[in-house]
């Protein structure tokens, strides 16, 4: 499974060019700021040109994990990583 994450401080974000391109390629025109990180169009775009499609304060990257892993995106000040889900109590 391929997942798009942000690898720098600041947080996930798409450039305006990316938003236009997702729509042009037939992707969602819903809330692009809440797009699925596994969206195949988004994944393909980031693999093609991460710099062009990353937002002003983002550096997008595709991470590949095994298909059978239950995962979640964790972050510290916007810098993200994929973590395997597990139980938590607070």
N, C-alpha and C. Protein backbone atom coordinates (compact mmCIF):
# COMPACT_ATOMS: atom_id res chain seq x y z
N UNK A 1 0.85 -1.17 0.00
CA UNK A 1 0.00 0.00 0.00
C UNK A 1 0.89 1.23 0.00
N UNK A 2 0.52 2.21 -0.79
CA UNK A 2 1.27 3.46 -0.87
C UNK A 2 0.47 4.58 -0.21
N UNK A 3 1.17 5.37 0.62
CA UNK A 3 0.55 6.43 1.40
C UNK A 3 1.39 7.70 1.27
N UNK A 4 0.74 8.85 1.09
CA UNK A 4 1.45 10.12 1.00
C UNK A 4 1.54 10.75 2.38
N UNK A 5 2.76 11.14 2.76
CA UNK A 5 2.97 11.84 4.04
C UNK A 5 3.77 13.11 3.79
N UNK A 6 3.78 13.98 4.78
CA UNK A 6 4.61 15.17 4.77
C UNK A 6 5.85 14.89 5.61
N UNK A 7 7.04 15.21 5.08
CA UNK A 7 8.28 14.86 5.78
C UNK A 7 9.01 16.07 6.38
N UNK A 8 8.37 17.23 6.40
CA UNK A 8 9.02 18.38 7.01
C UNK A 8 8.06 19.04 8.00
N UNK A 9 8.61 19.89 8.84
CA UNK A 9 7.78 20.62 9.78
C UNK A 9 6.88 21.58 9.01
N UNK A 10 5.65 21.71 9.44
CA UNK A 10 4.72 22.63 8.80
C UNK A 10 3.39 21.99 8.51
N UNK A 11 3.37 20.75 8.06
CA UNK A 11 2.11 20.06 7.85
C UNK A 11 1.81 19.75 6.40
N UNK A 12 0.95 18.76 6.22
CA UNK A 12 0.53 18.32 4.90
C UNK A 12 -0.18 19.45 4.17
N UNK A 13 0.15 19.60 2.90
CA UNK A 13 -0.52 20.60 2.08
C UNK A 13 -0.21 20.37 0.62
N UNK A 14 -1.16 20.72 -0.22
CA UNK A 14 -1.01 20.58 -1.66
C UNK A 14 -0.84 21.96 -2.28
N UNK A 15 -0.07 22.02 -3.36
CA UNK A 15 0.04 23.27 -4.10
C UNK A 15 -1.25 23.49 -4.89
N UNK A 16 -1.46 24.72 -5.34
CA UNK A 16 -2.63 24.99 -6.17
C UNK A 16 -2.56 24.20 -7.48
N UNK A 17 -1.34 24.01 -7.98
CA UNK A 17 -1.15 23.21 -9.19
C UNK A 17 -1.63 21.78 -8.94
N UNK A 18 -1.33 21.24 -7.76
CA UNK A 18 -1.76 19.88 -7.41
C UNK A 18 -3.28 19.78 -7.37
N UNK A 19 -3.92 20.76 -6.77
CA UNK A 19 -5.39 20.74 -6.69
C UNK A 19 -6.01 20.74 -8.07
N UNK A 20 -5.52 21.60 -8.94
CA UNK A 20 -6.02 21.65 -10.31
C UNK A 20 -5.76 20.33 -11.04
N UNK A 21 -4.59 19.76 -10.83
CA UNK A 21 -4.21 18.53 -11.53
C UNK A 21 -5.04 17.34 -11.06
N UNK A 22 -5.33 17.25 -9.78
CA UNK A 22 -6.17 16.16 -9.27
C UNK A 22 -7.55 16.20 -9.93
N UNK A 23 -8.12 17.38 -10.02
CA UNK A 23 -9.42 17.54 -10.66
C UNK A 23 -9.33 17.21 -12.15
N UNK A 24 -8.26 17.69 -12.80
CA UNK A 24 -8.07 17.43 -14.23
C UNK A 24 -7.95 15.94 -14.52
N UNK A 25 -7.32 15.20 -13.62
CA UNK A 25 -7.14 13.76 -13.81
C UNK A 25 -8.36 12.95 -13.41
N UNK A 26 -9.42 13.63 -13.04
CA UNK A 26 -10.66 12.93 -12.72
C UNK A 26 -10.80 12.54 -11.26
N UNK A 27 -9.95 13.12 -10.42
CA UNK A 27 -10.04 12.86 -8.99
C UNK A 27 -11.17 13.65 -8.36
N UNK A 28 -11.25 13.60 -7.09
CA UNK A 28 -12.30 14.28 -6.35
C UNK A 28 -12.20 15.79 -6.49
N UNK A 29 -13.34 16.45 -6.52
CA UNK A 29 -13.34 17.91 -6.41
C UNK A 29 -13.99 18.30 -5.08
N UNK A 30 -14.11 17.32 -4.20
CA UNK A 30 -14.58 17.60 -2.84
C UNK A 30 -13.48 18.37 -2.11
N UNK A 31 -13.48 18.30 -0.82
CA UNK A 31 -12.49 19.01 -0.02
C UNK A 31 -11.10 18.41 -0.25
N UNK A 32 -10.31 19.05 -1.08
CA UNK A 32 -8.98 18.54 -1.41
C UNK A 32 -8.02 18.61 -0.23
N UNK A 33 -8.36 19.40 0.79
CA UNK A 33 -7.48 19.48 1.97
C UNK A 33 -7.72 18.26 2.86
N UNK A 34 -8.76 17.48 2.55
CA UNK A 34 -9.06 16.28 3.34
C UNK A 34 -9.01 15.04 2.43
N UNK A 35 -8.20 15.08 1.38
CA UNK A 35 -8.10 13.98 0.43
C UNK A 35 -7.46 12.77 1.09
N UNK A 36 -7.90 11.59 0.70
CA UNK A 36 -7.32 10.36 1.24
C UNK A 36 -5.85 10.29 0.85
N UNK A 37 -5.01 9.96 1.80
CA UNK A 37 -3.58 9.87 1.55
C UNK A 37 -3.23 8.66 0.69
N UNK A 38 -4.19 7.76 0.48
CA UNK A 38 -3.96 6.61 -0.38
C UNK A 38 -4.62 6.80 -1.75
N UNK A 39 -5.16 7.97 -2.01
CA UNK A 39 -5.79 8.26 -3.29
C UNK A 39 -4.79 7.97 -4.41
N UNK A 40 -5.13 7.07 -5.35
CA UNK A 40 -4.16 6.68 -6.38
C UNK A 40 -3.68 7.83 -7.26
N UNK A 41 -4.54 8.81 -7.49
CA UNK A 41 -4.12 9.97 -8.30
C UNK A 41 -3.10 10.79 -7.52
N UNK A 42 -3.36 11.04 -6.24
CA UNK A 42 -2.42 11.78 -5.40
C UNK A 42 -1.09 11.05 -5.32
N UNK A 43 -1.13 9.75 -5.08
CA UNK A 43 0.10 8.96 -4.98
C UNK A 43 0.91 9.08 -6.27
N UNK A 44 0.26 8.91 -7.41
CA UNK A 44 0.96 8.98 -8.70
C UNK A 44 1.59 10.36 -8.90
N UNK A 45 0.87 11.40 -8.56
CA UNK A 45 1.40 12.75 -8.73
C UNK A 45 2.63 12.99 -7.87
N UNK A 46 2.59 12.56 -6.61
CA UNK A 46 3.74 12.76 -5.72
C UNK A 46 4.93 11.93 -6.20
N UNK A 47 4.67 10.75 -6.72
CA UNK A 47 5.77 9.95 -7.27
C UNK A 47 6.37 10.61 -8.51
N UNK A 48 5.54 11.29 -9.30
CA UNK A 48 6.02 11.97 -10.51
C UNK A 48 6.86 13.20 -10.18
N UNK A 49 6.36 14.06 -9.29
CA UNK A 49 7.05 15.32 -9.00
C UNK A 49 6.62 15.87 -7.64
N UNK A 50 7.25 15.36 -6.63
CA UNK A 50 6.91 15.74 -5.25
C UNK A 50 7.04 17.25 -5.02
N UNK A 51 8.07 17.83 -5.56
CA UNK A 51 8.32 19.26 -5.33
C UNK A 51 7.22 20.14 -5.93
N UNK A 52 6.77 19.81 -7.13
CA UNK A 52 5.74 20.59 -7.81
C UNK A 52 4.41 20.53 -7.08
N UNK A 53 4.07 19.37 -6.53
CA UNK A 53 2.74 19.16 -5.95
C UNK A 53 2.68 19.38 -4.45
N UNK A 54 3.81 19.59 -3.79
CA UNK A 54 3.81 19.89 -2.36
C UNK A 54 3.40 21.33 -2.12
N UNK A 55 2.66 21.56 -1.04
CA UNK A 55 2.27 22.91 -0.67
C UNK A 55 3.45 23.73 -0.19
N UNK A 56 3.19 25.00 0.14
CA UNK A 56 4.26 25.91 0.55
C UNK A 56 5.06 25.43 1.74
N UNK A 57 4.41 24.81 2.70
CA UNK A 57 5.10 24.38 3.92
C UNK A 57 5.10 22.87 4.04
N UNK A 58 5.16 22.18 2.90
CA UNK A 58 5.12 20.72 2.89
C UNK A 58 6.22 20.17 1.99
N UNK A 59 6.59 18.95 2.28
CA UNK A 59 7.51 18.19 1.45
C UNK A 59 6.94 16.77 1.41
N UNK A 60 6.15 16.50 0.38
CA UNK A 60 5.41 15.24 0.31
C UNK A 60 6.29 14.10 -0.17
N UNK A 61 5.96 12.92 0.32
CA UNK A 61 6.71 11.71 0.00
C UNK A 61 5.73 10.53 0.03
N UNK A 62 5.98 9.54 -0.82
CA UNK A 62 5.18 8.32 -0.82
C UNK A 62 5.93 7.27 -0.01
N UNK A 63 5.22 6.69 0.96
CA UNK A 63 5.76 5.61 1.79
C UNK A 63 4.98 4.35 1.45
N UNK A 64 5.69 3.24 1.29
CA UNK A 64 5.02 1.97 0.98
C UNK A 64 5.10 1.05 2.19
N UNK A 65 3.93 0.50 2.56
CA UNK A 65 3.85 -0.42 3.69
C UNK A 65 3.12 -1.68 3.24
N UNK A 66 3.23 -2.78 4.00
CA UNK A 66 2.49 -3.99 3.64
C UNK A 66 0.98 -3.75 3.66
N UNK A 67 0.27 -4.42 2.77
CA UNK A 67 -1.18 -4.22 2.64
C UNK A 67 -1.97 -4.60 3.89
N UNK A 68 -1.48 -5.55 4.68
CA UNK A 68 -2.25 -6.06 5.81
C UNK A 68 -2.03 -5.30 7.11
N UNK A 69 -1.32 -4.20 7.07
CA UNK A 69 -1.03 -3.43 8.29
C UNK A 69 -2.14 -2.43 8.55
N UNK A 70 -2.63 -2.40 9.79
CA UNK A 70 -3.55 -1.34 10.22
C UNK A 70 -2.68 -0.16 10.60
N UNK A 71 -2.85 0.97 9.92
CA UNK A 71 -1.93 2.08 10.09
C UNK A 71 -2.65 3.37 10.41
N UNK A 72 -1.84 4.33 10.86
CA UNK A 72 -2.32 5.67 11.10
C UNK A 72 -1.16 6.63 10.85
N UNK A 73 -1.49 7.87 10.56
CA UNK A 73 -0.46 8.89 10.38
C UNK A 73 -0.26 9.59 11.70
N UNK A 74 0.98 9.61 12.17
CA UNK A 74 1.34 10.34 13.38
C UNK A 74 2.23 11.50 12.97
N UNK A 75 2.21 12.56 13.77
CA UNK A 75 3.06 13.69 13.41
C UNK A 75 3.58 14.41 14.63
N UNK A 76 4.64 15.15 14.41
CA UNK A 76 5.19 16.07 15.39
C UNK A 76 5.38 17.40 14.67
N UNK A 77 4.62 18.41 15.03
CA UNK A 77 4.67 19.73 14.40
C UNK A 77 4.54 19.66 12.88
N UNK A 78 3.72 18.73 12.41
CA UNK A 78 3.46 18.61 10.99
C UNK A 78 4.34 17.62 10.25
N UNK A 79 5.45 17.23 10.86
CA UNK A 79 6.33 16.23 10.24
C UNK A 79 5.73 14.85 10.54
N UNK A 80 5.37 14.12 9.49
CA UNK A 80 4.57 12.90 9.65
C UNK A 80 5.38 11.62 9.44
N UNK A 81 4.83 10.56 10.02
CA UNK A 81 5.31 9.21 9.75
C UNK A 81 4.13 8.25 9.87
N UNK A 82 4.29 7.07 9.31
CA UNK A 82 3.25 6.04 9.40
C UNK A 82 3.56 5.17 10.61
N UNK A 83 2.54 4.91 11.42
CA UNK A 83 2.70 4.05 12.58
C UNK A 83 1.64 2.95 12.52
N UNK A 84 2.01 1.78 12.96
CA UNK A 84 1.04 0.70 13.04
C UNK A 84 0.10 0.99 14.19
N UNK A 85 -1.22 0.81 13.95
CA UNK A 85 -2.21 1.07 14.99
C UNK A 85 -2.05 0.04 16.11
N UNK A 86 -2.28 0.51 17.31
CA UNK A 86 -2.31 -0.37 18.47
C UNK A 86 -3.23 0.24 19.51
N UNK A 87 -3.49 -0.49 20.54
CA UNK A 87 -4.44 0.00 21.55
C UNK A 87 -3.78 1.03 22.45
N UNK A 88 -4.60 2.00 22.91
CA UNK A 88 -4.10 3.04 23.80
C UNK A 88 -5.14 3.32 24.88
N UNK A 89 -4.68 3.66 26.05
CA UNK A 89 -5.55 4.10 27.13
C UNK A 89 -4.96 5.35 27.73
N UNK A 90 -5.81 6.29 28.09
CA UNK A 90 -5.31 7.54 28.70
C UNK A 90 -6.02 7.77 30.00
